[in-house]
mmCIF file of all heavy atoms, coordinates in Angstrom:
data_MODEL
# 
_entry.id   MODEL 
# 
loop_
_atom_site.group_PDB 
_atom_site.id 
_atom_site.type_symbol 
_atom_site.label_atom_id 
_atom_site.label_alt_id 
_atom_site.label_comp_id 
_atom_site.label_asym_id 
_atom_site.label_entity_id 
_atom_site.label_seq_id 
_atom_site.pdbx_PDB_ins_code 
_atom_site.Cartn_x 
_atom_site.Cartn_y 
_atom_site.Cartn_z 
_atom_site.occupancy 
_atom_site.B_iso_or_equiv 
_atom_site.pdbx_formal_charge 
_atom_site.auth_seq_id 
_atom_site.auth_comp_id 
_atom_site.auth_asym_id 
_atom_site.auth_atom_id 
_atom_site.pdbx_PDB_model_num 
ATOM 1   N N   . GLU A 1 1  ? 99.750  45.188 17.386  1.00 0.00 ? 1  GLU A N   1 
ATOM 2   C CA  . GLU A 1 1  ? 98.709  44.269 16.921  1.00 0.00 ? 1  GLU A CA  1 
ATOM 3   C C   . GLU A 1 1  ? 99.386  43.185 16.080  1.00 0.00 ? 1  GLU A C   1 
ATOM 4   O O   . GLU A 1 1  ? 100.167 43.471 15.176  1.00 0.00 ? 1  GLU A O   1 
ATOM 5   C CB  . GLU A 1 1  ? 97.626  44.981 16.086  1.00 0.00 ? 1  GLU A CB  1 
ATOM 6   C CG  . GLU A 1 1  ? 96.536  44.053 15.699  1.00 0.00 ? 1  GLU A CG  1 
ATOM 7   C CD  . GLU A 1 1  ? 95.349  44.815 15.020  1.00 0.00 ? 1  GLU A CD  1 
ATOM 8   O OE1 . GLU A 1 1  ? 95.434  45.996 14.878  1.00 0.00 ? 1  GLU A OE1 1 
ATOM 9   O OE2 . GLU A 1 1  ? 94.405  44.106 14.697  1.00 0.00 ? 1  GLU A OE2 1 
ATOM 10  N N   . GLU A 1 2  ? 99.049  41.936 16.374  1.00 0.00 ? 2  GLU A N   1 
ATOM 11  C CA  . GLU A 1 2  ? 99.583  40.824 15.605  1.00 0.00 ? 2  GLU A CA  1 
ATOM 12  C C   . GLU A 1 2  ? 98.703  40.570 14.390  1.00 0.00 ? 2  GLU A C   1 
ATOM 13  O O   . GLU A 1 2  ? 97.457  40.522 14.528  1.00 0.00 ? 2  GLU A O   1 
ATOM 14  C CB  . GLU A 1 2  ? 99.689  39.497 16.413  1.00 0.00 ? 2  GLU A CB  1 
ATOM 15  C CG  . GLU A 1 2  ? 100.912 39.458 17.312  1.00 0.00 ? 2  GLU A CG  1 
ATOM 16  C CD  . GLU A 1 2  ? 101.187 38.093 17.865  1.00 0.00 ? 2  GLU A CD  1 
ATOM 17  O OE1 . GLU A 1 2  ? 100.287 37.239 17.873  1.00 0.00 ? 2  GLU A OE1 1 
ATOM 18  O OE2 . GLU A 1 2  ? 102.322 37.905 18.293  1.00 0.00 ? 2  GLU A OE2 1 
ATOM 19  N N   . ILE A 1 3  ? 99.353  40.494 13.269  1.00 0.00 ? 3  ILE A N   1 
ATOM 20  C CA  . ILE A 1 3  ? 98.654  40.257 12.033  1.00 0.00 ? 3  ILE A CA  1 
ATOM 21  C C   . ILE A 1 3  ? 99.239  39.057 11.340  1.00 0.00 ? 3  ILE A C   1 
ATOM 22  O O   . ILE A 1 3  ? 100.465 38.938 11.184  1.00 0.00 ? 3  ILE A O   1 
ATOM 23  C CB  . ILE A 1 3  ? 98.773  41.473 11.055  1.00 0.00 ? 3  ILE A CB  1 
ATOM 24  C CG1 . ILE A 1 3  ? 98.314  42.746 11.748  1.00 0.00 ? 3  ILE A CG1 1 
ATOM 25  C CG2 . ILE A 1 3  ? 98.040  41.244 9.737   1.00 0.00 ? 3  ILE A CG2 1 
ATOM 26  C CD1 . ILE A 1 3  ? 98.737  43.983 11.016  1.00 0.00 ? 3  ILE A CD1 1 
ATOM 27  N N   . LYS A 1 4  ? 98.387  38.124 10.980  1.00 0.00 ? 4  LYS A N   1 
ATOM 28  C CA  . LYS A 1 4  ? 98.858  36.980 10.183  1.00 0.00 ? 4  LYS A CA  1 
ATOM 29  C C   . LYS A 1 4  ? 98.578  37.305 8.704   1.00 0.00 ? 4  LYS A C   1 
ATOM 30  O O   . LYS A 1 4  ? 97.460  37.466 8.259   1.00 0.00 ? 4  LYS A O   1 
ATOM 31  C CB  . LYS A 1 4  ? 98.088  35.697 10.537  1.00 0.00 ? 4  LYS A CB  1 
ATOM 32  C CG  . LYS A 1 4  ? 98.575  34.472 9.753   1.00 0.00 ? 4  LYS A CG  1 
ATOM 33  C CD  . LYS A 1 4  ? 97.879  33.204 10.250  1.00 0.00 ? 4  LYS A CD  1 
ATOM 34  C CE  . LYS A 1 4  ? 98.504  31.990 9.576   1.00 0.00 ? 4  LYS A CE  1 
ATOM 35  N NZ  . LYS A 1 4  ? 97.928  30.759 10.087  1.00 0.00 ? 4  LYS A NZ  1 
ATOM 36  N N   . LEU A 1 5  ? 99.730  37.586 8.006   1.00 0.00 ? 5  LEU A N   1 
ATOM 37  C CA  . LEU A 1 5  ? 99.586  37.891 6.581   1.00 0.00 ? 5  LEU A CA  1 
ATOM 38  C C   . LEU A 1 5  ? 99.487  36.584 5.795   1.00 0.00 ? 5  LEU A C   1 
ATOM 39  O O   . LEU A 1 5  ? 100.370 35.726 5.898   1.00 0.00 ? 5  LEU A O   1 
ATOM 40  C CB  . LEU A 1 5  ? 100.789 38.698 6.117   1.00 0.00 ? 5  LEU A CB  1 
ATOM 41  C CG  . LEU A 1 5  ? 100.953 40.129 6.564   1.00 0.00 ? 5  LEU A CG  1 
ATOM 42  C CD1 . LEU A 1 5  ? 102.210 40.750 5.972   1.00 0.00 ? 5  LEU A CD1 1 
ATOM 43  C CD2 . LEU A 1 5  ? 99.719  40.945 6.203   1.00 0.00 ? 5  LEU A CD2 1 
ATOM 44  N N   . LEU A 1 6  ? 98.448  36.437 5.043   1.00 0.00 ? 6  LEU A N   1 
ATOM 45  C CA  . LEU A 1 6  ? 98.257  35.338 4.114   1.00 0.00 ? 6  LEU A CA  1 
ATOM 46  C C   . LEU A 1 6  ? 98.648  35.928 2.749   1.00 0.00 ? 6  LEU A C   1 
ATOM 47  O O   . LEU A 1 6  ? 97.895  36.667 2.127   1.00 0.00 ? 6  LEU A O   1 
ATOM 48  C CB  . LEU A 1 6  ? 96.827  34.846 4.089   1.00 0.00 ? 6  LEU A CB  1 
ATOM 49  C CG  . LEU A 1 6  ? 96.325  34.381 5.468   1.00 0.00 ? 6  LEU A CG  1 
ATOM 50  C CD1 . LEU A 1 6  ? 94.814  34.128 5.418   1.00 0.00 ? 6  LEU A CD1 1 
ATOM 51  C CD2 . LEU A 1 6  ? 97.066  33.143 5.900   1.00 0.00 ? 6  LEU A CD2 1 
ATOM 52  N N   . ILE A 1 7  ? 99.852  35.619 2.296   1.00 0.00 ? 7  ILE A N   1 
ATOM 53  C CA  . ILE A 1 7  ? 100.446 36.294 1.172   1.00 0.00 ? 7  ILE A CA  1 
ATOM 54  C C   . ILE A 1 7  ? 100.235 35.449 -0.063  1.00 0.00 ? 7  ILE A C   1 
ATOM 55  O O   . ILE A 1 7  ? 100.779 34.348 -0.164  1.00 0.00 ? 7  ILE A O   1 
ATOM 56  C CB  . ILE A 1 7  ? 101.985 36.516 1.397   1.00 0.00 ? 7  ILE A CB  1 
ATOM 57  C CG1 . ILE A 1 7  ? 102.218 37.236 2.730   1.00 0.00 ? 7  ILE A CG1 1 
ATOM 58  C CG2 . ILE A 1 7  ? 102.585 37.287 0.237   1.00 0.00 ? 7  ILE A CG2 1 
ATOM 59  C CD1 . ILE A 1 7  ? 103.620 37.083 3.246   1.00 0.00 ? 7  ILE A CD1 1 
ATOM 60  N N   . TRP A 1 8  ? 99.443  35.982 -0.984  1.00 0.00 ? 8  TRP A N   1 
ATOM 61  C CA  . TRP A 1 8  ? 99.136  35.299 -2.197  1.00 0.00 ? 8  TRP A CA  1 
ATOM 62  C C   . TRP A 1 8  ? 100.080 35.757 -3.302  1.00 0.00 ? 8  TRP A C   1 
ATOM 63  O O   . TRP A 1 8  ? 100.091 36.928 -3.684  1.00 0.00 ? 8  TRP A O   1 
ATOM 64  C CB  . TRP A 1 8  ? 97.662  35.598 -2.661  1.00 0.00 ? 8  TRP A CB  1 
ATOM 65  C CG  . TRP A 1 8  ? 96.643  34.832 -1.870  1.00 0.00 ? 8  TRP A CG  1 
ATOM 66  C CD1 . TRP A 1 8  ? 96.546  34.800 -0.502  1.00 0.00 ? 8  TRP A CD1 1 
ATOM 67  C CD2 . TRP A 1 8  ? 95.560  34.113 -2.354  1.00 0.00 ? 8  TRP A CD2 1 
ATOM 68  N NE1 . TRP A 1 8  ? 95.480  33.989 -0.145  1.00 0.00 ? 8  TRP A NE1 1 
ATOM 69  C CE2 . TRP A 1 8  ? 94.831  33.553 -1.268  1.00 0.00 ? 8  TRP A CE2 1 
ATOM 70  C CE3 . TRP A 1 8  ? 95.122  33.838 -3.707  1.00 0.00 ? 8  TRP A CE3 1 
ATOM 71  C CZ2 . TRP A 1 8  ? 93.720  32.797 -1.474  1.00 0.00 ? 8  TRP A CZ2 1 
ATOM 72  C CZ3 . TRP A 1 8  ? 93.977  33.033 -3.832  1.00 0.00 ? 8  TRP A CZ3 1 
ATOM 73  C CH2 . TRP A 1 8  ? 93.312  32.525 -2.740  1.00 0.00 ? 8  TRP A CH2 1 
ATOM 74  N N   . ASP A 1 9  ? 100.896 34.824 -3.724  1.00 0.00 ? 9  ASP A N   1 
ATOM 75  C CA  . ASP A 1 9  ? 101.881 35.094 -4.800  1.00 0.00 ? 9  ASP A CA  1 
ATOM 76  C C   . ASP A 1 9  ? 101.219 34.661 -6.113  1.00 0.00 ? 9  ASP A C   1 
ATOM 77  O O   . ASP A 1 9  ? 101.103 33.540 -6.437  1.00 0.00 ? 9  ASP A O   1 
ATOM 78  C CB  . ASP A 1 9  ? 103.128 34.151 -4.538  1.00 0.00 ? 9  ASP A CB  1 
ATOM 79  C CG  . ASP A 1 9  ? 104.235 34.331 -5.558  1.00 0.00 ? 9  ASP A CG  1 
ATOM 80  O OD1 . ASP A 1 9  ? 104.120 35.123 -6.503  1.00 0.00 ? 9  ASP A OD1 1 
ATOM 81  O OD2 . ASP A 1 9  ? 105.269 33.687 -5.395  1.00 0.00 ? 9  ASP A OD2 1 
ATOM 82  N N   . VAL A 1 10 ? 100.676 35.731 -6.775  1.00 0.00 ? 10 VAL A N   1 
ATOM 83  C CA  . VAL A 1 10 ? 99.935  35.477 -8.009  1.00 0.00 ? 10 VAL A CA  1 
ATOM 84  C C   . VAL A 1 10 ? 100.892 35.298 -9.194  1.00 0.00 ? 10 VAL A C   1 
ATOM 85  O O   . VAL A 1 10 ? 101.781 36.124 -9.356  1.00 0.00 ? 10 VAL A O   1 
ATOM 86  C CB  . VAL A 1 10 ? 98.916  36.593 -8.281  1.00 0.00 ? 10 VAL A CB  1 
ATOM 87  C CG1 . VAL A 1 10 ? 98.111  36.370 -9.504  1.00 0.00 ? 10 VAL A CG1 1 
ATOM 88  C CG2 . VAL A 1 10 ? 97.977  36.746 -7.045  1.00 0.00 ? 10 VAL A CG2 1 
ATOM 89  N N   . ALA A 1 11 ? 100.671 34.256 -9.955  1.00 0.00 ? 11 ALA A N   1 
ATOM 90  C CA  . ALA A 1 11 ? 101.565 33.982 -11.125 1.00 0.00 ? 11 ALA A CA  1 
ATOM 91  C C   . ALA A 1 11 ? 101.776 35.209 -11.959 1.00 0.00 ? 11 ALA A C   1 
ATOM 92  O O   . ALA A 1 11 ? 100.774 35.931 -12.233 1.00 0.00 ? 11 ALA A O   1 
ATOM 93  C CB  . ALA A 1 11 ? 101.016 32.848 -11.950 1.00 0.00 ? 11 ALA A CB  1 
ATOM 94  N N   . GLY A 1 12 ? 102.928 35.465 -12.367 1.00 0.00 ? 12 GLY A N   1 
ATOM 95  C CA  . GLY A 1 12 ? 103.263 36.611 -13.235 1.00 0.00 ? 12 GLY A CA  1 
ATOM 96  C C   . GLY A 1 12 ? 102.628 36.438 -14.596 1.00 0.00 ? 12 GLY A C   1 
ATOM 97  O O   . GLY A 1 12 ? 102.380 35.313 -15.044 1.00 0.00 ? 12 GLY A O   1 
ATOM 98  N N   . THR A 1 13 ? 102.316 37.557 -15.206 1.00 0.00 ? 13 THR A N   1 
ATOM 99  C CA  . THR A 1 13 ? 101.696 37.509 -16.512 1.00 0.00 ? 13 THR A CA  1 
ATOM 100 C C   . THR A 1 13 ? 102.451 38.444 -17.470 1.00 0.00 ? 13 THR A C   1 
ATOM 101 O O   . THR A 1 13 ? 103.277 39.230 -17.043 1.00 0.00 ? 13 THR A O   1 
ATOM 102 C CB  . THR A 1 13 ? 100.238 38.038 -16.438 1.00 0.00 ? 13 THR A CB  1 
ATOM 103 O OG1 . THR A 1 13 ? 100.264 39.388 -15.973 1.00 0.00 ? 13 THR A OG1 1 
ATOM 104 C CG2 . THR A 1 13 ? 99.383  37.145 -15.513 1.00 0.00 ? 13 THR A CG2 1 
ATOM 105 N N   . SER A 1 14 ? 102.145 38.350 -18.745 1.00 0.00 ? 14 SER A N   1 
ATOM 106 C CA  . SER A 1 14 ? 102.572 39.321 -19.665 1.00 0.00 ? 14 SER A CA  1 
ATOM 107 C C   . SER A 1 14 ? 101.380 40.280 -19.785 1.00 0.00 ? 14 SER A C   1 
ATOM 108 O O   . SER A 1 14 ? 100.272 39.951 -19.335 1.00 0.00 ? 14 SER A O   1 
ATOM 109 C CB  . SER A 1 14 ? 102.973 38.720 -21.020 1.00 0.00 ? 14 SER A CB  1 
ATOM 110 O OG  . SER A 1 14 ? 101.940 37.945 -21.527 1.00 0.00 ? 14 SER A OG  1 
ATOM 111 N N   . ALA A 1 15 ? 101.550 41.395 -20.464 1.00 0.00 ? 15 ALA A N   1 
ATOM 112 C CA  . ALA A 1 15 ? 100.528 42.465 -20.448 1.00 0.00 ? 15 ALA A CA  1 
ATOM 113 C C   . ALA A 1 15 ? 99.193  41.995 -21.013 1.00 0.00 ? 15 ALA A C   1 
ATOM 114 O O   . ALA A 1 15 ? 98.128  42.464 -20.601 1.00 0.00 ? 15 ALA A O   1 
ATOM 115 C CB  . ALA A 1 15 ? 101.066 43.643 -21.209 1.00 0.00 ? 15 ALA A CB  1 
ATOM 116 N N   . ASP A 1 16 ? 99.211  41.050 -21.943 1.00 0.00 ? 16 ASP A N   1 
ATOM 117 C CA  . ASP A 1 16 ? 97.945  40.667 -22.567 1.00 0.00 ? 16 ASP A CA  1 
ATOM 118 C C   . ASP A 1 16 ? 97.211  39.463 -21.886 1.00 0.00 ? 16 ASP A C   1 
ATOM 119 O O   . ASP A 1 16 ? 96.137  39.105 -22.277 1.00 0.00 ? 16 ASP A O   1 
ATOM 120 C CB  . ASP A 1 16 ? 98.150  40.333 -24.074 1.00 0.00 ? 16 ASP A CB  1 
ATOM 121 C CG  . ASP A 1 16 ? 99.213  39.251 -24.261 1.00 0.00 ? 16 ASP A CG  1 
ATOM 122 O OD1 . ASP A 1 16 ? 99.977  38.971 -23.344 1.00 0.00 ? 16 ASP A OD1 1 
ATOM 123 O OD2 . ASP A 1 16 ? 99.276  38.715 -25.364 1.00 0.00 ? 16 ASP A OD2 1 
ATOM 124 N N   . GLU A 1 17 ? 97.845  38.886 -20.839 1.00 0.00 ? 17 GLU A N   1 
ATOM 125 C CA  . GLU A 1 17 ? 97.240  37.801 -20.142 1.00 0.00 ? 17 GLU A CA  1 
ATOM 126 C C   . GLU A 1 17 ? 96.372  38.314 -18.984 1.00 0.00 ? 17 GLU A C   1 
ATOM 127 O O   . GLU A 1 17 ? 96.659  39.348 -18.391 1.00 0.00 ? 17 GLU A O   1 
ATOM 128 C CB  . GLU A 1 17 ? 98.295  36.908 -19.555 1.00 0.00 ? 17 GLU A CB  1 
ATOM 129 C CG  . GLU A 1 17 ? 99.070  36.048 -20.577 1.00 0.00 ? 17 GLU A CG  1 
ATOM 130 C CD  . GLU A 1 17 ? 100.103 35.216 -19.872 1.00 0.00 ? 17 GLU A CD  1 
ATOM 131 O OE1 . GLU A 1 17 ? 101.145 35.749 -19.449 1.00 0.00 ? 17 GLU A OE1 1 
ATOM 132 O OE2 . GLU A 1 17 ? 99.863  34.019 -19.726 1.00 0.00 ? 17 GLU A OE2 1 
ATOM 133 N N   . LYS A 1 18 ? 95.320  37.573 -18.718 1.00 0.00 ? 18 LYS A N   1 
ATOM 134 C CA  . LYS A 1 18 ? 94.423  37.981 -17.652 1.00 0.00 ? 18 LYS A CA  1 
ATOM 135 C C   . LYS A 1 18 ? 94.548  37.027 -16.402 1.00 0.00 ? 18 LYS A C   1 
ATOM 136 O O   . LYS A 1 18 ? 94.700  35.841 -16.572 1.00 0.00 ? 18 LYS A O   1 
ATOM 137 C CB  . LYS A 1 18 ? 92.963  37.883 -18.105 1.00 0.00 ? 18 LYS A CB  1 
ATOM 138 C CG  . LYS A 1 18 ? 92.682  38.870 -19.279 1.00 0.00 ? 18 LYS A CG  1 
ATOM 139 C CD  . LYS A 1 18 ? 92.622  40.290 -18.848 1.00 0.00 ? 18 LYS A CD  1 
ATOM 140 C CE  . LYS A 1 18 ? 92.347  41.263 -19.960 1.00 0.00 ? 18 LYS A CE  1 
ATOM 141 N NZ  . LYS A 1 18 ? 93.409  42.171 -20.261 1.00 0.00 ? 18 LYS A NZ  1 
ATOM 142 N N   . VAL A 1 19 ? 94.570  37.622 -15.262 1.00 0.00 ? 19 VAL A N   1 
ATOM 143 C CA  . VAL A 1 19 ? 94.651  36.865 -13.994 1.00 0.00 ? 19 VAL A CA  1 
ATOM 144 C C   . VAL A 1 19 ? 93.211  36.588 -13.573 1.00 0.00 ? 19 VAL A C   1 
ATOM 145 O O   . VAL A 1 19 ? 92.378  37.543 -13.596 1.00 0.00 ? 19 VAL A O   1 
ATOM 146 C CB  . VAL A 1 19 ? 95.422  37.663 -12.875 1.00 0.00 ? 19 VAL A CB  1 
ATOM 147 C CG1 . VAL A 1 19 ? 95.388  36.942 -11.584 1.00 0.00 ? 19 VAL A CG1 1 
ATOM 148 C CG2 . VAL A 1 19 ? 96.843  37.901 -13.367 1.00 0.00 ? 19 VAL A CG2 1 
ATOM 149 N N   . PRO A 1 20 ? 92.901  35.374 -13.135 1.00 0.00 ? 20 PRO A N   1 
ATOM 150 C CA  . PRO A 1 20 ? 91.513  35.116 -12.662 1.00 0.00 ? 20 PRO A CA  1 
ATOM 151 C C   . PRO A 1 20 ? 91.112  36.041 -11.559 1.00 0.00 ? 20 PRO A C   1 
ATOM 152 O O   . PRO A 1 20 ? 91.822  36.250 -10.564 1.00 0.00 ? 20 PRO A O   1 
ATOM 153 C CB  . PRO A 1 20 ? 91.571  33.652 -12.175 1.00 0.00 ? 20 PRO A CB  1 
ATOM 154 C CG  . PRO A 1 20 ? 92.784  33.079 -12.853 1.00 0.00 ? 20 PRO A CG  1 
ATOM 155 C CD  . PRO A 1 20 ? 93.724  34.194 -13.016 1.00 0.00 ? 20 PRO A CD  1 
ATOM 156 N N   . LYS A 1 21 ? 89.863  36.641 -11.709 1.00 0.00 ? 21 LYS A N   1 
ATOM 157 C CA  . LYS A 1 21 ? 89.342  37.582 -10.685 1.00 0.00 ? 21 LYS A CA  1 
ATOM 158 C C   . LYS A 1 21 ? 89.265  36.921 -9.322  1.00 0.00 ? 21 LYS A C   1 
ATOM 159 O O   . LYS A 1 21 ? 89.384  37.562 -8.318  1.00 0.00 ? 21 LYS A O   1 
ATOM 160 C CB  . LYS A 1 21 ? 87.991  38.089 -11.180 1.00 0.00 ? 21 LYS A CB  1 
ATOM 161 C CG  . LYS A 1 21 ? 87.363  39.153 -10.210 1.00 0.00 ? 21 LYS A CG  1 
ATOM 162 C CD  . LYS A 1 21 ? 86.119  39.735 -10.818 1.00 0.00 ? 21 LYS A CD  1 
ATOM 163 C CE  . LYS A 1 21 ? 85.400  40.662 -9.809  1.00 0.00 ? 21 LYS A CE  1 
ATOM 164 N NZ  . LYS A 1 21 ? 86.197  41.718 -9.215  1.00 0.00 ? 21 LYS A NZ  1 
ATOM 165 N N   . SER A 1 22 ? 89.019  35.622 -9.290  1.00 0.00 ? 22 SER A N   1 
ATOM 166 C CA  . SER A 1 22 ? 88.817  34.922 -8.024  1.00 0.00 ? 22 SER A CA  1 
ATOM 167 C C   . SER A 1 22 ? 90.041  35.044 -7.119  1.00 0.00 ? 22 SER A C   1 
ATOM 168 O O   . SER A 1 22 ? 89.931  35.022 -5.868  1.00 0.00 ? 22 SER A O   1 
ATOM 169 C CB  . SER A 1 22 ? 88.491  33.423 -8.219  1.00 0.00 ? 22 SER A CB  1 
ATOM 170 O OG  . SER A 1 22 ? 89.569  32.803 -8.939  1.00 0.00 ? 22 SER A OG  1 
ATOM 171 N N   . TYR A 1 23 ? 91.227  35.218 -7.676  1.00 0.00 ? 23 TYR A N   1 
ATOM 172 C CA  . TYR A 1 23 ? 92.436  35.387 -6.866  1.00 0.00 ? 23 TYR A CA  1 
ATOM 173 C C   . TYR A 1 23 ? 92.372  36.634 -6.006  1.00 0.00 ? 23 TYR A C   1 
ATOM 174 O O   . TYR A 1 23 ? 92.992  36.738 -4.958  1.00 0.00 ? 23 TYR A O   1 
ATOM 175 C CB  . TYR A 1 23 ? 93.688  35.460 -7.734  1.00 0.00 ? 23 TYR A CB  1 
ATOM 176 C CG  . TYR A 1 23 ? 94.144  34.185 -8.420  1.00 0.00 ? 23 TYR A CG  1 
ATOM 177 C CD1 . TYR A 1 23 ? 95.132  34.189 -9.336  1.00 0.00 ? 23 TYR A CD1 1 
ATOM 178 C CD2 . TYR A 1 23 ? 93.498  32.984 -8.154  1.00 0.00 ? 23 TYR A CD2 1 
ATOM 179 C CE1 . TYR A 1 23 ? 95.521  33.026 -10.047 1.00 0.00 ? 23 TYR A CE1 1 
ATOM 180 C CE2 . TYR A 1 23 ? 93.846  31.828 -8.842  1.00 0.00 ? 23 TYR A CE2 1 
ATOM 181 C CZ  . TYR A 1 23 ? 94.873  31.841 -9.775  1.00 0.00 ? 23 TYR A CZ  1 
ATOM 182 O OH  . TYR A 1 23 ? 95.260  30.699 -10.363 1.00 0.00 ? 23 TYR A OH  1 
ATOM 183 N N   . PHE A 1 24 ? 91.627  37.633 -6.527  1.00 0.00 ? 24 PHE A N   1 
ATOM 184 C CA  . PHE A 1 24 ? 91.596  38.960 -5.892  1.00 0.00 ? 24 PHE A CA  1 
ATOM 185 C C   . PHE A 1 24 ? 90.505  39.102 -4.829  1.00 0.00 ? 24 PHE A C   1 
ATOM 186 O O   . PHE A 1 24 ? 90.595  39.999 -3.995  1.00 0.00 ? 24 PHE A O   1 
ATOM 187 C CB  . PHE A 1 24 ? 91.422  40.023 -6.990  1.00 0.00 ? 24 PHE A CB  1 
ATOM 188 C CG  . PHE A 1 24 ? 92.557  40.180 -7.877  1.00 0.00 ? 24 PHE A CG  1 
ATOM 189 C CD1 . PHE A 1 24 ? 92.709  39.355 -8.979  1.00 0.00 ? 24 PHE A CD1 1 
ATOM 190 C CD2 . PHE A 1 24 ? 93.559  41.085 -7.679  1.00 0.00 ? 24 PHE A CD2 1 
ATOM 191 C CE1 . PHE A 1 24 ? 93.790  39.461 -9.881  1.00 0.00 ? 24 PHE A CE1 1 
ATOM 192 C CE2 . PHE A 1 24 ? 94.675  41.204 -8.465  1.00 0.00 ? 24 PHE A CE2 1 
ATOM 193 C CZ  . PHE A 1 24 ? 94.785  40.415 -9.592  1.00 0.00 ? 24 PHE A CZ  1 
ATOM 194 N N   . LEU A 1 25 ? 89.542  38.194 -4.833  1.00 0.00 ? 25 LEU A N   1 
ATOM 195 C CA  . LEU A 1 25 ? 88.412  38.310 -3.920  1.00 0.00 ? 25 LEU A CA  1 
ATOM 196 C C   . LEU A 1 25 ? 88.856  38.193 -2.453  1.00 0.00 ? 25 LEU A C   1 
ATOM 197 O O   . LEU A 1 25 ? 89.646  37.320 -2.109  1.00 0.00 ? 25 LEU A O   1 
ATOM 198 C CB  . LEU A 1 25 ? 87.339  37.232 -4.218  1.00 0.00 ? 25 LEU A CB  1 
ATOM 199 C CG  . LEU A 1 25 ? 86.678  37.303 -5.594  1.00 0.00 ? 25 LEU A CG  1 
ATOM 200 C CD1 . LEU A 1 25 ? 85.760  36.096 -5.819  1.00 0.00 ? 25 LEU A CD1 1 
ATOM 201 C CD2 . LEU A 1 25 ? 85.940  38.626 -5.765  1.00 0.00 ? 25 LEU A CD2 1 
ATOM 202 N N   . GLY A 1 26 ? 88.326  39.118 -1.621  1.00 0.00 ? 26 GLY A N   1 
ATOM 203 C CA  . GLY A 1 26 ? 88.603  39.045 -0.191  1.00 0.00 ? 26 GLY A CA  1 
ATOM 204 C C   . GLY A 1 26 ? 89.995  39.564 0.188   1.00 0.00 ? 26 GLY A C   1 
ATOM 205 O O   . GLY A 1 26 ? 90.379  39.422 1.364   1.00 0.00 ? 26 GLY A O   1 
ATOM 206 N N   . SER A 1 27 ? 90.695  40.208 -0.709  1.00 0.00 ? 27 SER A N   1 
ATOM 207 C CA  . SER A 1 27 ? 92.043  40.714 -0.382  1.00 0.00 ? 27 SER A CA  1 
ATOM 208 C C   . SER A 1 27 ? 91.913  42.043 0.363   1.00 0.00 ? 27 SER A C   1 
ATOM 209 O O   . SER A 1 27 ? 91.043  42.836 0.078   1.00 0.00 ? 27 SER A O   1 
ATOM 210 C CB  . SER A 1 27 ? 92.930  40.829 -1.593  1.00 0.00 ? 27 SER A CB  1 
ATOM 211 O OG  . SER A 1 27 ? 92.312  41.630 -2.566  1.00 0.00 ? 27 SER A OG  1 
# 
């Protein structure tokens, strides 16, 4: 099966920083 991976490289954080939830939607 052919799969087109759309690879989201989410900016790195330090432990106390929060990543926007919108980046995770639909993954």
